[in-house]
Amino acid sequence: MGSSPKVIKQDPEADAAAAAEKATLETNAKKAQRRTANQSSALGGSLDTSNKKTTLGGG
């Protein structure tokens, strides 16, 4: 029973960077899900303004 305690090396900066990257990936995934859900809905399909002209801007 004379085993020495385990030494755990901690790197708070690496942990924070990993957590931030994970959060960013999750947020991007949620936004992508929302985006595809909006495009497939009745209102979202009409919001495609890629080839429609608007009167905003007065030009």
PDB file of N, CA and C in Angstrom:
ATOM      1  N   MET A   1       0.828  -1.187   0.000  1.00  0.00           N
ATOM      2  CA  MET A   1       0.000   0.000   0.000  1.00  0.00           C
ATOM      3  C   MET A   1       0.867   1.243   0.000  1.00  0.00           C
ATOM      4  N   GLY A   2       2.075   1.106  -0.476  1.00  0.00           N
ATOM      5  CA  GLY A   2       2.963   2.243  -0.490  1.00  0.00           C
ATOM      6  C   GLY A   2       3.040   2.907  -1.856  1.00  0.00           C
ATOM      7  N   SER A   3       1.935   2.864  -2.605  1.00  0.00           N
ATOM      8  CA  SER A   3       1.975   3.469  -3.941  1.00  0.00           C
ATOM      9  C   SER A   3       1.902   4.992  -3.836  1.00  0.00           C
ATOM     10  N   SER A   4       2.646   5.622  -4.720  1.00  0.00           N
ATOM     11  CA  SER A   4       2.654   7.083  -4.689  1.00  0.00           C
ATOM     12  C   SER A   4       1.392   7.623  -5.362  1.00  0.00           C
ATOM     13  N   PRO A   5       0.958   8.803  -4.962  1.00  0.00           N
ATOM     14  CA  PRO A   5      -0.246   9.376  -5.579  1.00  0.00           C
ATOM     15  C   PRO A   5      -0.008   9.694  -7.050  1.00  0.00           C
ATOM     16  N   LYS A   6      -1.061   9.555  -7.830  1.00  0.00           N
ATOM     17  CA  LYS A   6      -0.949   9.821  -9.256  1.00  0.00           C
ATOM     18  C   LYS A   6      -0.825  11.320  -9.483  1.00  0.00           C
ATOM     19  N   VAL A   7       0.111  11.672 -10.340  1.00  0.00           N
ATOM     20  CA  VAL A   7       0.289  13.073 -10.677  1.00  0.00           C
ATOM     21  C   VAL A   7      -0.415  13.324 -12.010  1.00  0.00           C
ATOM     22  N   ILE A   8      -1.360  14.243 -11.983  1.00  0.00           N
ATOM     23  CA  ILE A   8      -2.106  14.577 -13.191  1.00  0.00           C
ATOM     24  C   ILE A   8      -1.639  15.943 -13.666  1.00  0.00           C
ATOM     25  N   LYS A   9      -1.099  15.955 -14.862  1.00  0.00           N
ATOM     26  CA  LYS A   9      -0.648  17.223 -15.418  1.00  0.00           C
ATOM     27  C   LYS A   9      -1.850  17.958 -15.997  1.00  0.00           C
ATOM     28  N   GLN A  10      -1.963  19.217 -15.640  1.00  0.00           N
ATOM     29  CA  GLN A  10      -3.081  20.015 -16.130  1.00  0.00           C
ATOM     30  C   GLN A  10      -2.553  21.177 -16.955  1.00  0.00           C
ATOM     31  N   ASP A  11      -3.254  21.443 -18.021  1.00  0.00           N
ATOM     32  CA  ASP A  11      -2.916  22.571 -18.885  1.00  0.00           C
ATOM     33  C   ASP A  11      -4.197  23.381 -19.104  1.00  0.00           C
ATOM     34  N   PRO A  12      -4.430  24.369 -18.242  1.00  0.00           N
ATOM     35  CA  PRO A  12      -5.692  25.110 -18.336  1.00  0.00           C
ATOM     36  C   PRO A  12      -5.892  25.806 -19.681  1.00  0.00           C
ATOM     37  N   GLU A  13      -4.817  26.262 -20.289  1.00  0.00           N
ATOM     38  CA  GLU A  13      -4.961  26.935 -21.583  1.00  0.00           C
ATOM     39  C   GLU A  13      -5.417  25.963 -22.659  1.00  0.00           C
ATOM     40  N   ALA A  14      -4.851  24.765 -22.662  1.00  0.00           N
ATOM     41  CA  ALA A  14      -5.258  23.760 -23.642  1.00  0.00           C
ATOM     42  C   ALA A  14      -6.697  23.324 -23.384  1.00  0.00           C
ATOM     43  N   ASP A  15      -7.068  23.192 -22.100  1.00  0.00           N
ATOM     44  CA  ASP A  15      -8.438  22.827 -21.765  1.00  0.00           C
ATOM     45  C   ASP A  15      -9.410  23.897 -22.238  1.00  0.00           C
ATOM     46  N   ALA A  16      -9.068  25.153 -22.036  1.00  0.00           N
ATOM     47  CA  ALA A  16      -9.935  26.257 -22.448  1.00  0.00           C
ATOM     48  C   ALA A  16     -10.056  26.303 -23.971  1.00  0.00           C
ATOM     49  N   ALA A  17      -8.950  26.090 -24.656  1.00  0.00           N
ATOM     50  CA  ALA A  17      -8.972  26.106 -26.121  1.00  0.00           C
ATOM     51  C   ALA A  17      -9.840  24.961 -26.649  1.00  0.00           C
ATOM     52  N   ALA A  18      -9.708  23.799 -26.047  1.00  0.00           N
ATOM     53  CA  ALA A  18     -10.504  22.652 -26.484  1.00  0.00           C
ATOM     54  C   ALA A  18     -11.986  22.900 -26.217  1.00  0.00           C
ATOM     55  N   ALA A  19     -12.299  23.486 -25.072  1.00  0.00           N
ATOM     56  CA  ALA A  19     -13.695  23.770 -24.742  1.00  0.00           C
ATOM     57  C   ALA A  19     -14.273  24.805 -25.693  1.00  0.00           C
ATOM     58  N   ALA A  20     -13.493  25.814 -26.027  1.00  0.00           N
ATOM     59  CA  ALA A  20     -13.959  26.848 -26.945  1.00  0.00           C
ATOM     60  C   ALA A  20     -14.194  26.267 -28.334  1.00  0.00           C
ATOM     61  N   GLU A  21     -13.297  25.401 -28.775  1.00  0.00           N
ATOM     62  CA  GLU A  21     -13.452  24.787 -30.098  1.00  0.00           C
ATOM     63  C   GLU A  21     -14.685  23.888 -30.135  1.00  0.00           C
ATOM     64  N   LYS A  22     -14.896  23.142 -29.061  1.00  0.00           N
ATOM     65  CA  LYS A  22     -16.060  22.263 -28.995  1.00  0.00           C
ATOM     66  C   LYS A  22     -17.350  23.086 -29.028  1.00  0.00           C
ATOM     67  N   ALA A  23     -17.369  24.185 -28.268  1.00  0.00           N
ATOM     68  CA  ALA A  23     -18.552  25.044 -28.240  1.00  0.00           C
ATOM     69  C   ALA A  23     -18.807  25.659 -29.612  1.00  0.00           C
ATOM     70  N   THR A  24     -17.749  26.054 -30.294  1.00  0.00           N
ATOM     71  CA  THR A  24     -17.890  26.639 -31.626  1.00  0.00           C
ATOM     72  C   THR A  24     -18.469  25.620 -32.598  1.00  0.00           C
ATOM     73  N   LEU A  25     -17.966  24.408 -32.555  1.00  0.00           N
ATOM     74  CA  LEU A  25     -18.467  23.361 -33.445  1.00  0.00           C
ATOM     75  C   LEU A  25     -19.939  23.069 -33.171  1.00  0.00           C
ATOM     76  N   GLU A  26     -20.310  23.026 -31.884  1.00  0.00           N
ATOM     77  CA  GLU A  26     -21.706  22.758 -31.539  1.00  0.00           C
ATOM     78  C   GLU A  26     -22.607  23.879 -32.014  1.00  0.00           C
ATOM     79  N   THR A  27     -22.156  25.119 -31.838  1.00  0.00           N
ATOM     80  CA  THR A  27     -22.946  26.271 -32.272  1.00  0.00           C
ATOM     81  C   THR A  27     -23.124  26.261 -33.776  1.00  0.00           C
ATOM     82  N   ASN A  28     -22.048  25.984 -34.509  1.00  0.00           N
ATOM     83  CA  ASN A  28     -22.138  25.940 -35.963  1.00  0.00           C
ATOM     84  C   ASN A  28     -23.084  24.837 -36.427  1.00  0.00           C
ATOM     85  N   ALA A  29     -23.049  23.707 -35.746  1.00  0.00           N
ATOM     86  CA  ALA A  29     -23.935  22.602 -36.107  1.00  0.00           C
ATOM     87  C   ALA A  29     -25.391  22.985 -35.867  1.00  0.00           C
ATOM     88  N   LYS A  30     -25.649  23.666 -34.761  1.00  0.00           N
ATOM     89  CA  LYS A  30     -27.022  24.088 -34.466  1.00  0.00           C
ATOM     90  C   LYS A  30     -27.505  25.109 -35.487  1.00  0.00           C
ATOM     91  N   LYS A  31     -26.631  26.032 -35.864  1.00  0.00           N
ATOM     92  CA  LYS A  31     -27.011  27.031 -36.870  1.00  0.00           C
ATOM     93  C   LYS A  31     -27.289  26.365 -38.206  1.00  0.00           C
ATOM     94  N   ALA A  32     -26.484  25.379 -38.560  1.00  0.00           N
ATOM     95  CA  ALA A  32     -26.684  24.677 -39.828  1.00  0.00           C
ATOM     96  C   ALA A  32     -28.011  23.924 -39.808  1.00  0.00           C
ATOM     97  N   GLN A  33     -28.349  23.317 -38.675  1.00  0.00           N
ATOM     98  CA  GLN A  33     -29.621  22.606 -38.570  1.00  0.00           C
ATOM     99  C   GLN A  33     -30.780  23.578 -38.720  1.00  0.00           C
ATOM    100  N   ARG A  34     -30.658  24.740 -38.064  1.00  0.00           N
ATOM    101  CA  ARG A  34     -31.707  25.740 -38.164  1.00  0.00           C
ATOM    102  C   ARG A  34     -31.841  26.237 -39.599  1.00  0.00           C
ATOM    103  N   ARG A  35     -30.704  26.434 -40.253  1.00  0.00           N
ATOM    104  CA  ARG A  35     -30.710  26.951 -41.620  1.00  0.00           C
ATOM    105  C   ARG A  35     -31.419  25.979 -42.555  1.00  0.00           C
ATOM    106  N   THR A  36     -31.108  24.694 -42.448  1.00  0.00           N
ATOM    107  CA  THR A  36     -31.746  23.720 -43.334  1.00  0.00           C
ATOM    108  C   THR A  36     -33.216  23.573 -42.980  1.00  0.00           C
ATOM    109  N   ALA A  37     -33.567  23.703 -41.717  1.00  0.00           N
ATOM    110  CA  ALA A  37     -34.971  23.611 -41.312  1.00  0.00           C
ATOM    111  C   ALA A  37     -35.750  24.797 -41.867  1.00  0.00           C
ATOM    112  N   ASN A  38     -35.143  25.975 -41.858  1.00  0.00           N
ATOM    113  CA  ASN A  38     -35.821  27.160 -42.378  1.00  0.00           C
ATOM    114  C   ASN A  38     -36.025  27.068 -43.886  1.00  0.00           C
ATOM    115  N   GLN A  39     -35.066  26.527 -44.595  1.00  0.00           N
ATOM    116  CA  GLN A  39     -35.177  26.453 -46.047  1.00  0.00           C
ATOM    117  C   GLN A  39     -36.227  25.432 -46.471  1.00  0.00           C
ATOM    118  N   SER A  40     -36.477  24.442 -45.634  1.00  0.00           N
ATOM    119  CA  SER A  40     -37.445  23.430 -46.011  1.00  0.00           C
ATOM    120  C   SER A  40     -38.857  23.790 -45.555  1.00  0.00           C
ATOM    121  N   SER A  41     -38.997  24.855 -44.765  1.00  0.00           N
ATOM    122  CA  SER A  41     -40.325  25.242 -44.307  1.00  0.00           C
ATOM    123  C   SER A  41     -41.027  26.090 -45.368  1.00  0.00           C
ATOM    124  N   ALA A  42     -42.306  26.329 -45.182  1.00  0.00           N
ATOM    125  CA  ALA A  42     -43.083  27.091 -46.163  1.00  0.00           C
ATOM    126  C   ALA A  42     -42.583  28.529 -46.260  1.00  0.00           C
ATOM    127  N   LEU A  43     -42.300  29.149 -45.141  1.00  0.00           N
ATOM    128  CA  LEU A  43     -41.829  30.531 -45.171  1.00  0.00           C
ATOM    129  C   LEU A  43     -40.367  30.610 -45.578  1.00  0.00           C
ATOM    130  N   GLY A  44     -39.576  29.660 -45.126  1.00  0.00           N
ATOM    131  CA  GLY A  44     -38.149  29.690 -45.428  1.00  0.00           C
ATOM    132  C   GLY A  44     -37.869  29.575 -46.904  1.00  0.00           C
ATOM    133  N   GLY A  45     -38.678  28.842 -47.624  1.00  0.00           N
ATOM    134  CA  GLY A  45     -38.472  28.694 -49.056  1.00  0.00           C
ATOM    135  C   GLY A  45     -38.689  29.991 -49.805  1.00  0.00           C
ATOM    136  N   SER A  46     -39.557  30.848 -49.288  1.00  0.00           N
ATOM    137  CA  SER A  46     -39.827  32.112 -49.967  1.00  0.00           C
ATOM    138  C   SER A  46     -38.795  33.171 -49.614  1.00  0.00           C
ATOM    139  N   LEU A  47     -37.928  32.884 -48.677  1.00  0.00           N
ATOM    140  CA  LEU A  47     -36.928  33.858 -48.263  1.00  0.00           C
ATOM    141  C   LEU A  47     -35.642  33.757 -49.074  1.00  0.00           C
ATOM    142  N   ASP A  48     -35.627  32.933 -50.079  1.00  0.00           N
ATOM    143  CA  ASP A  48     -34.435  32.796 -50.917  1.00  0.00           C
ATOM    144  C   ASP A  48     -34.314  34.035 -51.796  1.00  0.00           C
ATOM    145  N   THR A  49     -33.383  34.921 -51.439  1.00  0.00           N
ATOM    146  CA  THR A  49     -33.253  36.196 -52.149  1.00  0.00           C
ATOM    147  C   THR A  49     -32.048  36.200 -53.068  1.00  0.00           C
ATOM    148  N   SER A  50     -31.536  35.040 -53.418  1.00  0.00           N
ATOM    149  CA  SER A  50     -30.320  34.992 -54.222  1.00  0.00           C
ATOM    150  C   SER A  50     -30.539  35.537 -55.628  1.00  0.00           C
ATOM    151  N   ASN A  51     -31.755  35.418 -56.168  1.00  0.00           N
ATOM    152  CA  ASN A  51     -31.969  35.895 -57.531  1.00  0.00           C
ATOM    153  C   ASN A  51     -33.162  36.841 -57.630  1.00  0.00           C
ATOM    154  N   LYS A  52     -33.576  37.391 -56.512  1.00  0.00           N
ATOM    155  CA  LYS A  52     -34.714  38.312 -56.522  1.00  0.00           C
ATOM    156  C   LYS A  52     -34.226  39.719 -56.234  1.00  0.00           C
ATOM    157  N   LYS A  53     -34.822  40.690 -56.901  1.00  0.00           N
ATOM    158  CA  LYS A  53     -34.465  42.078 -56.646  1.00  0.00           C
ATOM    159  C   LYS A  53     -35.388  42.640 -55.599  1.00  0.00           C
ATOM    160  N   THR A  54     -34.843  43.509 -54.762  1.00  0.00           N
ATOM    161  CA  THR A  54     -35.654  44.144 -53.746  1.00  0.00           C
ATOM    162  C   THR A  54     -35.682  45.637 -54.001  1.00  0.00           C
ATOM    163  N   THR A  55     -36.612  46.296 -53.352  1.00  0.00           N
ATOM    164  CA  THR A  55     -36.697  47.747 -53.494  1.00  0.00           C
ATOM    165  C   THR A  55     -35.914  48.452 -52.400  1.00  0.00           C
ATOM    166  N   LEU A  56     -35.298  47.717 -51.532  1.00  0.00           N
ATOM    167  CA  LEU A  56     -34.502  48.339 -50.476  1.00  0.00           C
ATOM    168  C   LEU A  56     -33.246  48.957 -51.072  1.00  0.00           C
ATOM    169  N   GLY A  57     -32.877  50.096 -50.591  1.00  0.00           N
ATOM    170  CA  GLY A  57     -31.684  50.763 -51.086  1.00  0.00           C
ATOM    171  C   GLY A  57     -31.992  51.806 -52.136  1.00  0.00           C
ATOM    172  N   GLY A  58     -33.182  51.805 -52.675  1.00  0.00           N
ATOM    173  CA  GLY A  58     -33.613  52.836 -53.600  1.00  0.00           C
ATOM    174  C   GLY A  58     -32.901  52.830 -54.936  1.00  0.00           C
ATOM    175  N   GLY A  59     -32.042  51.864 -55.209  1.00  0.00           N
ATOM    176  CA  GLY A  59     -31.300  51.876 -56.451  1.00  0.00           C
ATOM    177  C   GLY A  59     -32.039  51.164 -57.503  1.00  0.00           C
TER     178      GLY A  59
END
